[in-house]
Amino acid sequence: MILLIVLALLTFWLDRITRPAEPIGGENLYVNPDYIVEDLSGIRMDHEQEIQRKFTAKKLFHYLDEEVTQMEQVSFINIDPEKQLMRLHADRAEVKSKGKNITLIGNVTAIRGTDDEKSKITLMTDFLHLIPDDNLVKTDHEVTISRLNTTIHSTGLEFNNRIGVIQLLSKVKAVNTK
């Protein structure tokens, strides 16, 4: 009889520890990611238009139920032969809608153009919202933009890489050190 009770308790215990995580707050969101990947890189190519999008990340967490991917220490590079090179770096990123909606958070740096170009623009902030298919970058946080000898500080911006236009939203201050 004792053996049957121990076997029943062992079966109950194994059943409990092998169940998937319980949903939080009635929503279909899980506490744990369905997979984690470390030290990864990837490329997305459009061969007809010769556009390449590359990314690297130190860690990736994917949450199946919400189709959300979170990354740590992430870099994105957008190469389009008709546009200037676009590079982005951040402490964290959250990717939704299969890469159509990306949020960068913490020590965000965006560089438009190559390092040897005079038209190179560097943007620094702590939050950016990217819409890659439209080549749009948006934020309502403080930003610092540098180009050659000019530094611009602003709160909020919209940057359209397709047409090369930056719109500063408020509290704009520019300094030229020439």
N, C-alpha and C. Protein backbone atom coordinates (compact mmCIF):
# COMPACT_ATOMS: atom_id res chain seq x y z
N MET A 1 0.82 -1.19 0.00
CA MET A 1 0.00 0.00 0.00
C MET A 1 0.87 1.27 0.00
N ILE A 2 1.95 1.26 0.82
CA ILE A 2 2.85 2.40 0.89
C ILE A 2 3.49 2.64 -0.48
N LEU A 3 3.86 1.57 -1.16
CA LEU A 3 4.46 1.69 -2.47
C LEU A 3 3.50 2.33 -3.47
N LEU A 4 2.23 1.98 -3.43
CA LEU A 4 1.24 2.60 -4.31
C LEU A 4 1.06 4.09 -4.01
N ILE A 5 1.06 4.47 -2.75
CA ILE A 5 0.93 5.88 -2.37
C ILE A 5 2.15 6.67 -2.85
N VAL A 6 3.35 6.13 -2.66
CA VAL A 6 4.58 6.80 -3.12
C VAL A 6 4.56 6.94 -4.64
N LEU A 7 4.12 5.91 -5.34
CA LEU A 7 4.04 5.94 -6.80
C LEU A 7 3.03 6.98 -7.26
N ALA A 8 1.88 7.07 -6.60
CA ALA A 8 0.86 8.07 -6.94
C ALA A 8 1.39 9.48 -6.70
N LEU A 9 2.08 9.70 -5.57
CA LEU A 9 2.65 11.03 -5.29
C LEU A 9 3.73 11.39 -6.30
N LEU A 10 4.57 10.45 -6.67
CA LEU A 10 5.61 10.68 -7.65
C LEU A 10 5.00 11.03 -9.01
N THR A 11 3.95 10.34 -9.40
CA THR A 11 3.25 10.62 -10.66
C THR A 11 2.64 12.03 -10.62
N PHE A 12 2.00 12.39 -9.52
CA PHE A 12 1.42 13.72 -9.37
C PHE A 12 2.50 14.79 -9.46
N TRP A 13 3.61 14.59 -8.77
CA TRP A 13 4.72 15.55 -8.77
C TRP A 13 5.31 15.72 -10.17
N LEU A 14 5.55 14.63 -10.90
CA LEU A 14 6.09 14.69 -12.26
C LEU A 14 5.13 15.41 -13.20
N ASP A 15 3.83 15.16 -13.02
CA ASP A 15 2.83 15.84 -13.84
C ASP A 15 2.87 17.35 -13.62
N ARG A 16 3.02 17.78 -12.39
CA ARG A 16 3.05 19.21 -12.06
C ARG A 16 4.28 19.92 -12.62
N ILE A 17 5.46 19.29 -12.54
CA ILE A 17 6.68 19.98 -12.97
C ILE A 17 6.88 19.94 -14.48
N THR A 18 6.15 19.10 -15.19
CA THR A 18 6.31 19.04 -16.65
C THR A 18 5.23 19.80 -17.40
N ARG A 19 4.31 20.44 -16.72
CA ARG A 19 3.28 21.25 -17.37
C ARG A 19 3.88 22.56 -17.87
N PRO A 20 3.33 23.13 -18.99
CA PRO A 20 3.80 24.43 -19.44
C PRO A 20 3.43 25.52 -18.44
N ALA A 21 4.10 26.67 -18.56
CA ALA A 21 3.84 27.79 -17.64
C ALA A 21 2.38 28.22 -17.73
N GLU A 22 1.84 28.67 -16.61
CA GLU A 22 0.47 29.13 -16.55
C GLU A 22 0.36 30.54 -17.11
N PRO A 23 -0.74 30.86 -17.79
CA PRO A 23 -0.93 32.22 -18.28
C PRO A 23 -1.02 33.22 -17.12
N ILE A 24 -0.62 34.48 -17.38
CA ILE A 24 -0.66 35.54 -16.37
C ILE A 24 -1.95 36.34 -16.54
N GLY A 25 -2.63 36.63 -15.47
CA GLY A 25 -3.76 37.56 -15.48
C GLY A 25 -4.84 37.22 -16.49
N GLY A 26 -5.05 35.95 -16.81
CA GLY A 26 -6.10 35.59 -17.73
C GLY A 26 -5.75 35.82 -19.19
N GLU A 27 -4.66 36.48 -19.46
CA GLU A 27 -4.25 36.72 -20.84
C GLU A 27 -3.47 35.51 -21.33
N ASN A 28 -3.22 35.48 -22.60
CA ASN A 28 -2.50 34.35 -23.17
C ASN A 28 -1.01 34.67 -23.26
N LEU A 29 -0.45 35.27 -22.24
CA LEU A 29 0.96 35.66 -22.20
C LEU A 29 1.67 34.77 -21.20
N TYR A 30 2.80 34.23 -21.59
CA TYR A 30 3.54 33.32 -20.72
C TYR A 30 4.71 34.03 -20.07
N VAL A 31 5.07 33.56 -18.90
CA VAL A 31 6.17 34.14 -18.15
C VAL A 31 7.50 33.82 -18.82
N ASN A 32 7.66 32.60 -19.30
CA ASN A 32 8.93 32.16 -19.87
C ASN A 32 8.89 32.17 -21.39
N PRO A 33 10.01 32.51 -22.03
CA PRO A 33 10.05 32.46 -23.49
C PRO A 33 10.02 31.01 -23.98
N ASP A 34 9.56 30.82 -25.22
CA ASP A 34 9.55 29.45 -25.74
C ASP A 34 10.92 29.03 -26.22
N TYR A 35 11.79 30.00 -26.54
CA TYR A 35 13.19 29.67 -26.77
C TYR A 35 14.07 30.90 -26.56
N ILE A 36 15.36 30.61 -26.28
CA ILE A 36 16.38 31.63 -26.07
C ILE A 36 17.57 31.27 -26.95
N VAL A 37 18.11 32.27 -27.65
CA VAL A 37 19.28 32.06 -28.50
C VAL A 37 20.34 33.07 -28.09
N GLU A 38 21.59 32.64 -28.04
CA GLU A 38 22.70 33.53 -27.69
C GLU A 38 23.64 33.70 -28.87
N ASP A 39 24.27 34.90 -28.96
CA ASP A 39 25.26 35.23 -29.99
C ASP A 39 24.77 34.86 -31.38
N LEU A 40 23.78 35.60 -31.87
CA LEU A 40 23.21 35.28 -33.17
C LEU A 40 23.34 36.44 -34.13
N SER A 41 23.19 36.12 -35.41
CA SER A 41 23.15 37.13 -36.47
C SER A 41 22.26 36.60 -37.57
N GLY A 42 21.72 37.53 -38.37
CA GLY A 42 20.83 37.12 -39.45
C GLY A 42 20.82 38.15 -40.55
N ILE A 43 20.32 37.73 -41.71
CA ILE A 43 20.22 38.60 -42.88
C ILE A 43 18.85 38.41 -43.49
N ARG A 44 18.22 39.52 -43.88
CA ARG A 44 16.98 39.49 -44.66
C ARG A 44 17.28 40.20 -45.96
N MET A 45 17.03 39.53 -47.09
CA MET A 45 17.38 40.11 -48.38
C MET A 45 16.16 40.21 -49.28
N ASP A 46 16.13 41.28 -50.06
CA ASP A 46 15.18 41.45 -51.14
C ASP A 46 16.01 41.48 -52.42
N HIS A 47 16.10 40.35 -53.09
CA HIS A 47 16.99 40.22 -54.25
C HIS A 47 16.58 41.11 -55.41
N GLU A 48 15.29 41.36 -55.58
CA GLU A 48 14.82 42.19 -56.69
C GLU A 48 15.30 43.63 -56.54
N GLN A 49 15.28 44.16 -55.32
CA GLN A 49 15.68 45.54 -55.08
C GLN A 49 17.08 45.64 -54.49
N GLU A 50 17.76 44.53 -54.28
CA GLU A 50 19.11 44.46 -53.72
C GLU A 50 19.21 45.10 -52.34
N ILE A 51 18.16 44.98 -51.54
CA ILE A 51 18.14 45.53 -50.19
C ILE A 51 18.52 44.42 -49.21
N GLN A 52 19.40 44.75 -48.27
CA GLN A 52 19.80 43.81 -47.23
C GLN A 52 19.55 44.43 -45.87
N ARG A 53 19.03 43.61 -44.97
CA ARG A 53 18.90 44.02 -43.57
C ARG A 53 19.61 42.97 -42.75
N LYS A 54 20.64 43.40 -42.00
CA LYS A 54 21.42 42.49 -41.17
C LYS A 54 21.17 42.84 -39.71
N PHE A 55 21.28 41.83 -38.84
CA PHE A 55 21.19 42.12 -37.41
C PHE A 55 22.08 41.15 -36.64
N THR A 56 22.52 41.61 -35.48
CA THR A 56 23.23 40.77 -34.54
C THR A 56 22.65 41.05 -33.16
N ALA A 57 22.74 40.06 -32.26
CA ALA A 57 22.28 40.24 -30.89
C ALA A 57 23.05 39.29 -29.98
N LYS A 58 23.28 39.75 -28.76
CA LYS A 58 23.93 38.91 -27.76
C LYS A 58 22.98 37.82 -27.27
N LYS A 59 21.70 38.19 -27.06
CA LYS A 59 20.69 37.23 -26.61
C LYS A 59 19.36 37.56 -27.27
N LEU A 60 18.59 36.51 -27.57
CA LEU A 60 17.26 36.65 -28.15
C LEU A 60 16.29 35.81 -27.34
N PHE A 61 15.14 36.41 -27.00
CA PHE A 61 14.07 35.72 -26.29
C PHE A 61 12.82 35.80 -27.17
N HIS A 62 12.23 34.65 -27.49
CA HIS A 62 11.03 34.64 -28.32
C HIS A 62 9.84 34.15 -27.49
N TYR A 63 8.72 34.88 -27.57
CA TYR A 63 7.50 34.54 -26.86
C TYR A 63 6.44 34.18 -27.90
N LEU A 64 6.13 32.91 -28.00
CA LEU A 64 5.27 32.37 -29.04
C LEU A 64 3.88 32.96 -29.04
N ASP A 65 3.23 33.01 -27.89
CA ASP A 65 1.83 33.45 -27.86
C ASP A 65 1.64 34.89 -28.32
N GLU A 66 2.59 35.75 -28.08
CA GLU A 66 2.46 37.14 -28.47
C GLU A 66 3.22 37.47 -29.76
N GLU A 67 3.93 36.48 -30.31
CA GLU A 67 4.78 36.70 -31.48
C GLU A 67 5.68 37.92 -31.27
N VAL A 68 6.31 37.95 -30.11
CA VAL A 68 7.24 39.01 -29.73
C VAL A 68 8.62 38.43 -29.59
N THR A 69 9.62 39.15 -30.09
CA THR A 69 11.01 38.76 -29.92
C THR A 69 11.72 39.90 -29.21
N GLN A 70 12.40 39.59 -28.13
CA GLN A 70 13.20 40.59 -27.41
C GLN A 70 14.66 40.23 -27.57
N MET A 71 15.51 41.26 -27.76
CA MET A 71 16.94 41.03 -27.94
C MET A 71 17.74 41.95 -27.04
N GLU A 72 18.94 41.49 -26.66
CA GLU A 72 19.87 42.29 -25.86
C GLU A 72 21.12 42.56 -26.69
N GLN A 73 21.72 43.75 -26.50
CA GLN A 73 22.93 44.17 -27.21
C GLN A 73 22.77 43.90 -28.71
N VAL A 74 21.89 44.68 -29.32
CA VAL A 74 21.47 44.43 -30.70
C VAL A 74 22.02 45.49 -31.66
N SER A 75 22.29 45.06 -32.90
CA SER A 75 22.72 45.95 -33.98
C SER A 75 21.93 45.61 -35.23
N PHE A 76 21.48 46.63 -35.94
CA PHE A 76 20.79 46.47 -37.21
C PHE A 76 21.55 47.26 -38.27
N ILE A 77 21.64 46.71 -39.48
CA ILE A 77 22.25 47.42 -40.61
C ILE A 77 21.29 47.29 -41.78
N ASN A 78 20.96 48.42 -42.41
CA ASN A 78 20.08 48.44 -43.58
C ASN A 78 20.91 48.92 -44.77
N ILE A 79 21.06 48.03 -45.78
CA ILE A 79 21.84 48.36 -46.97
C ILE A 79 20.89 48.39 -48.16
N ASP A 80 20.76 49.56 -48.75
CA ASP A 80 19.93 49.75 -49.93
C ASP A 80 20.79 50.50 -50.94
N PRO A 81 21.02 49.96 -52.14
CA PRO A 81 21.91 50.62 -53.10
C PRO A 81 21.46 52.03 -53.50
N GLU A 82 20.16 52.32 -53.33
CA GLU A 82 19.65 53.64 -53.71
C GLU A 82 19.64 54.62 -52.54
N LYS A 83 19.93 54.16 -51.33
CA LYS A 83 19.91 55.00 -50.13
C LYS A 83 21.23 54.89 -49.39
N GLN A 84 21.43 55.80 -48.44
CA GLN A 84 22.64 55.74 -47.62
C GLN A 84 22.54 54.60 -46.60
N LEU A 85 23.70 54.08 -46.24
CA LEU A 85 23.80 53.02 -45.24
C LEU A 85 23.19 53.50 -43.92
N MET A 86 22.44 52.62 -43.24
CA MET A 86 21.82 52.95 -41.96
C MET A 86 22.22 51.88 -40.95
N ARG A 87 22.86 52.30 -39.82
CA ARG A 87 23.27 51.38 -38.76
C ARG A 87 22.63 51.81 -37.45
N LEU A 88 22.14 50.82 -36.69
CA LEU A 88 21.49 51.08 -35.40
C LEU A 88 22.05 50.13 -34.35
N HIS A 89 22.28 50.66 -33.15
CA HIS A 89 22.78 49.87 -32.03
C HIS A 89 21.96 50.25 -30.80
N ALA A 90 21.66 49.25 -29.93
CA ALA A 90 20.91 49.53 -28.71
C ALA A 90 21.17 48.43 -27.69
N ASP A 91 20.89 48.75 -26.42
CA ASP A 91 21.01 47.76 -25.35
C ASP A 91 19.95 46.67 -25.50
N ARG A 92 18.72 47.08 -25.88
CA ARG A 92 17.63 46.13 -26.02
C ARG A 92 16.76 46.48 -27.21
N ALA A 93 16.09 45.47 -27.74
CA ALA A 93 15.14 45.68 -28.83
C ALA A 93 13.95 44.75 -28.63
N GLU A 94 12.78 45.21 -29.07
CA GLU A 94 11.58 44.38 -29.07
C GLU A 94 11.02 44.41 -30.49
N VAL A 95 10.89 43.23 -31.08
CA VAL A 95 10.45 43.10 -32.47
C VAL A 95 9.06 42.47 -32.48
N LYS A 96 8.13 43.14 -33.18
CA LYS A 96 6.76 42.64 -33.31
C LYS A 96 6.39 42.60 -34.79
N SER A 97 5.32 41.92 -35.10
CA SER A 97 4.77 41.84 -36.46
C SER A 97 5.81 41.38 -37.47
N LYS A 98 6.58 40.37 -37.11
CA LYS A 98 7.59 39.77 -37.99
C LYS A 98 8.58 40.80 -38.52
N GLY A 99 9.01 41.71 -37.65
CA GLY A 99 10.04 42.69 -38.00
C GLY A 99 9.51 43.98 -38.59
N LYS A 100 8.22 44.16 -38.64
CA LYS A 100 7.64 45.38 -39.20
C LYS A 100 7.53 46.50 -38.17
N ASN A 101 7.69 46.16 -36.90
CA ASN A 101 7.55 47.13 -35.82
C ASN A 101 8.63 46.82 -34.78
N ILE A 102 9.63 47.71 -34.65
CA ILE A 102 10.77 47.46 -33.77
C ILE A 102 10.93 48.63 -32.82
N THR A 103 11.15 48.32 -31.54
CA THR A 103 11.42 49.35 -30.53
C THR A 103 12.82 49.11 -29.99
N LEU A 104 13.66 50.16 -30.02
CA LEU A 104 15.01 50.10 -29.46
C LEU A 104 15.02 50.89 -28.16
N ILE A 105 15.66 50.31 -27.12
CA ILE A 105 15.65 50.94 -25.80
C ILE A 105 17.05 50.89 -25.21
N GLY A 106 17.51 52.01 -24.64
CA GLY A 106 18.78 52.07 -23.92
C GLY A 106 19.98 52.28 -24.81
N ASN A 107 20.70 53.37 -24.61
CA ASN A 107 21.93 53.69 -25.35
C ASN A 107 21.78 53.44 -26.85
N VAL A 108 20.77 54.06 -27.43
CA VAL A 108 20.48 53.87 -28.85
C VAL A 108 21.34 54.82 -29.67
N THR A 109 22.02 54.26 -30.68
CA THR A 109 22.81 55.06 -31.61
C THR A 109 22.39 54.68 -33.02
N ALA A 110 22.07 55.69 -33.82
CA ALA A 110 21.73 55.49 -35.22
C ALA A 110 22.72 56.28 -36.06
N ILE A 111 23.30 55.63 -37.06
CA ILE A 111 24.29 56.29 -37.92
C ILE A 111 23.82 56.14 -39.35
N ARG A 112 23.65 57.27 -40.03
CA ARG A 112 23.26 57.28 -41.44
C ARG A 112 24.47 57.69 -42.26
N GLY A 113 24.90 56.82 -43.16
CA GLY A 113 26.08 57.07 -43.97
C GLY A 113 27.28 56.30 -43.44
N THR A 114 28.33 56.24 -44.25
CA THR A 114 29.54 55.54 -43.83
C THR A 114 30.44 56.48 -43.04
N ASP A 115 31.40 55.92 -42.32
CA ASP A 115 32.26 56.72 -41.45
C ASP A 115 33.11 57.73 -42.21
N ASP A 116 33.40 57.47 -43.48
CA ASP A 116 34.26 58.39 -44.24
C ASP A 116 33.47 59.43 -45.04
N GLU A 117 32.15 59.42 -44.96
CA GLU A 117 31.32 60.39 -45.68
C GLU A 117 31.15 61.67 -44.89
N LYS A 118 31.17 62.80 -45.59
CA LYS A 118 30.92 64.09 -44.93
C LYS A 118 29.45 64.24 -44.56
N SER A 119 28.59 63.51 -45.23
CA SER A 119 27.16 63.60 -44.94
C SER A 119 26.72 62.65 -43.82
N LYS A 120 27.67 61.98 -43.16
CA LYS A 120 27.36 61.06 -42.07
C LYS A 120 26.65 61.79 -40.93
N ILE A 121 25.55 61.20 -40.46
CA ILE A 121 24.76 61.77 -39.37
C ILE A 121 24.70 60.73 -38.25
N THR A 122 24.97 61.17 -37.01
CA THR A 122 24.89 60.28 -35.85
C THR A 122 23.79 60.79 -34.93
N LEU A 123 22.91 59.89 -34.50
CA LEU A 123 21.82 60.23 -33.61
C LEU A 123 21.95 59.37 -32.35
N MET A 124 21.80 59.98 -31.19
CA MET A 124 21.85 59.25 -29.92
C MET A 124 20.63 59.59 -29.08
N THR A 125 20.04 58.55 -28.47
CA THR A 125 18.86 58.72 -27.62
C THR A 125 18.73 57.48 -26.74
N ASP A 126 17.64 57.39 -25.98
CA ASP A 126 17.42 56.20 -25.16
C ASP A 126 16.20 55.40 -25.62
N PHE A 127 15.51 55.87 -26.70
CA PHE A 127 14.33 55.17 -27.20
C PHE A 127 14.09 55.52 -28.67
N LEU A 128 13.91 54.51 -29.51
CA LEU A 128 13.55 54.72 -30.91
C LEU A 128 12.51 53.69 -31.33
N HIS A 129 11.58 54.13 -32.14
CA HIS A 129 10.58 53.24 -32.75
C HIS A 129 10.90 53.17 -34.24
N LEU A 130 11.15 51.95 -34.74
CA LEU A 130 11.52 51.76 -36.14
C LEU A 130 10.38 51.11 -36.90
N ILE A 131 10.19 51.58 -38.12
CA ILE A 131 9.25 50.96 -39.06
C ILE A 131 10.07 50.69 -40.32
N PRO A 132 10.78 49.55 -40.37
CA PRO A 132 11.76 49.29 -41.44
C PRO A 132 11.19 49.33 -42.85
N ASP A 133 9.99 48.79 -43.08
CA ASP A 133 9.44 48.77 -44.43
C ASP A 133 9.19 50.16 -44.98
N ASP A 134 8.96 51.14 -44.10
CA ASP A 134 8.76 52.53 -44.52
C ASP A 134 10.02 53.37 -44.35
N ASN A 135 11.13 52.77 -43.88
CA ASN A 135 12.38 53.48 -43.60
C ASN A 135 12.15 54.66 -42.66
N LEU A 136 11.30 54.47 -41.64
CA LEU A 136 10.99 55.52 -40.67
C LEU A 136 11.58 55.21 -39.30
N VAL A 137 12.05 56.26 -38.62
CA VAL A 137 12.56 56.19 -37.26
C VAL A 137 11.87 57.30 -36.49
N LYS A 138 11.26 56.98 -35.32
CA LYS A 138 10.52 57.98 -34.55
C LYS A 138 10.87 57.88 -33.08
N THR A 139 10.80 59.00 -32.37
CA THR A 139 10.91 59.02 -30.91
C THR A 139 10.27 60.28 -30.37
N ASP A 140 9.82 60.21 -29.12
CA ASP A 140 9.36 61.40 -28.42
C ASP A 140 10.28 61.72 -27.25
N HIS A 141 11.44 61.03 -27.17
CA HIS A 141 12.44 61.24 -26.13
C HIS A 141 13.50 62.25 -26.61
N GLU A 142 14.39 62.63 -25.69
CA GLU A 142 15.48 63.54 -26.03
C GLU A 142 16.45 62.87 -26.99
N VAL A 143 16.92 63.65 -27.98
CA VAL A 143 17.87 63.13 -28.97
C VAL A 143 19.01 64.12 -29.15
N THR A 144 20.17 63.58 -29.54
CA THR A 144 21.32 64.39 -29.91
C THR A 144 21.74 63.94 -31.30
N ILE A 145 21.84 64.91 -32.22
CA ILE A 145 22.20 64.62 -33.60
C ILE A 145 23.51 65.36 -33.90
N SER A 146 24.47 64.63 -34.48
CA SER A 146 25.77 65.24 -34.82
C SER A 146 26.05 65.03 -36.30
N ARG A 147 26.55 66.10 -36.93
CA ARG A 147 27.01 66.03 -38.31
C ARG A 147 28.12 67.06 -38.47
N LEU A 148 29.29 66.57 -38.86
CA LEU A 148 30.49 67.41 -38.99
C LEU A 148 30.69 68.20 -37.71
N ASN A 149 30.64 69.54 -37.76
CA ASN A 149 30.89 70.40 -36.60
C ASN A 149 29.61 70.85 -35.90
N THR A 150 28.48 70.29 -36.28
CA THR A 150 27.19 70.73 -35.74
C THR A 150 26.58 69.65 -34.85
N THR A 151 26.09 70.10 -33.67
CA THR A 151 25.39 69.21 -32.76
C THR A 151 24.02 69.82 -32.48
N ILE A 152 22.99 68.99 -32.59
CA ILE A 152 21.62 69.44 -32.38
C ILE A 152 21.00 68.61 -31.26
N HIS A 153 20.34 69.29 -30.32
CA HIS A 153 19.61 68.63 -29.24
C HIS A 153 18.13 68.92 -29.46
N SER A 154 17.29 67.91 -29.25
CA SER A 154 15.86 68.07 -29.48
C SER A 154 15.10 67.07 -28.61
N THR A 155 13.84 67.37 -28.40
CA THR A 155 12.94 66.39 -27.79
C THR A 155 12.01 65.91 -28.89
N GLY A 156 12.18 64.67 -29.29
CA GLY A 156 11.36 64.07 -30.33
C GLY A 156 11.86 64.33 -31.73
N LEU A 157 11.68 63.31 -32.57
CA LEU A 157 12.02 63.46 -33.98
C LEU A 157 11.35 62.40 -34.80
N GLU A 158 11.24 62.67 -36.09
CA GLU A 158 10.82 61.70 -37.08
C GLU A 158 11.86 61.75 -38.19
N PHE A 159 12.43 60.60 -38.52
CA PHE A 159 13.51 60.51 -39.50
C PHE A 159 13.06 59.58 -40.62
N ASN A 160 12.93 60.13 -41.82
CA ASN A 160 12.55 59.34 -42.99
C ASN A 160 13.80 59.08 -43.81
N ASN A 161 14.35 57.88 -43.71
CA ASN A 161 15.58 57.53 -44.43
C ASN A 161 15.34 57.38 -45.93
N ARG A 162 14.10 57.13 -46.32
CA ARG A 162 13.77 56.97 -47.74
C ARG A 162 14.00 58.28 -48.50
N ILE A 163 13.59 59.40 -47.90
CA ILE A 163 13.78 60.69 -48.56
C ILE A 163 14.87 61.53 -47.90
N GLY A 164 15.45 61.04 -46.80
CA GLY A 164 16.56 61.73 -46.15
C GLY A 164 16.17 62.98 -45.38
N VAL A 165 14.98 62.97 -44.77
CA VAL A 165 14.49 64.14 -44.04
C VAL A 165 14.35 63.83 -42.56
N ILE A 166 14.89 64.72 -41.70
CA ILE A 166 14.74 64.63 -40.26
C ILE A 166 13.84 65.78 -39.81
N GLN A 167 12.77 65.45 -39.08
CA GLN A 167 11.89 66.46 -38.54
C GLN A 167 12.05 66.47 -37.03
N LEU A 168 12.53 67.58 -36.47
CA LEU A 168 12.70 67.73 -35.02
C LEU A 168 11.39 68.27 -34.45
N LEU A 169 10.92 67.70 -33.35
CA LEU A 169 9.58 67.99 -32.88
C LEU A 169 9.49 69.14 -31.88
N SER A 170 10.42 69.26 -30.91
CA SER A 170 10.33 70.36 -29.94
C SER A 170 11.66 70.58 -29.23
N LYS A 171 11.78 71.74 -28.55
CA LYS A 171 12.94 72.11 -27.75
C LYS A 171 14.25 71.91 -28.52
N VAL A 172 14.32 72.47 -29.70
CA VAL A 172 15.48 72.29 -30.58
C VAL A 172 16.55 73.32 -30.23
N LYS A 173 17.80 72.83 -30.10
CA LYS A 173 18.93 73.68 -29.82
C LYS A 173 20.10 73.18 -30.66
N ALA A 174 20.70 74.07 -31.46
CA ALA A 174 21.80 73.67 -32.35
C ALA A 174 23.06 74.45 -31.98
N VAL A 175 24.22 73.75 -32.05
CA VAL A 175 25.51 74.37 -31.77
C VAL A 175 26.47 74.00 -32.89
N ASN A 176 27.08 75.04 -33.50
CA ASN A 176 28.08 74.82 -34.55
C ASN A 176 29.44 75.25 -33.98
N THR A 177 30.42 74.36 -33.98
CA THR A 177 31.72 74.65 -33.38
C THR A 177 32.75 75.09 -34.39
N LYS A 178 32.36 75.58 -35.52
CA LYS A 178 33.30 76.07 -36.54
C LYS A 178 34.01 77.31 -36.11
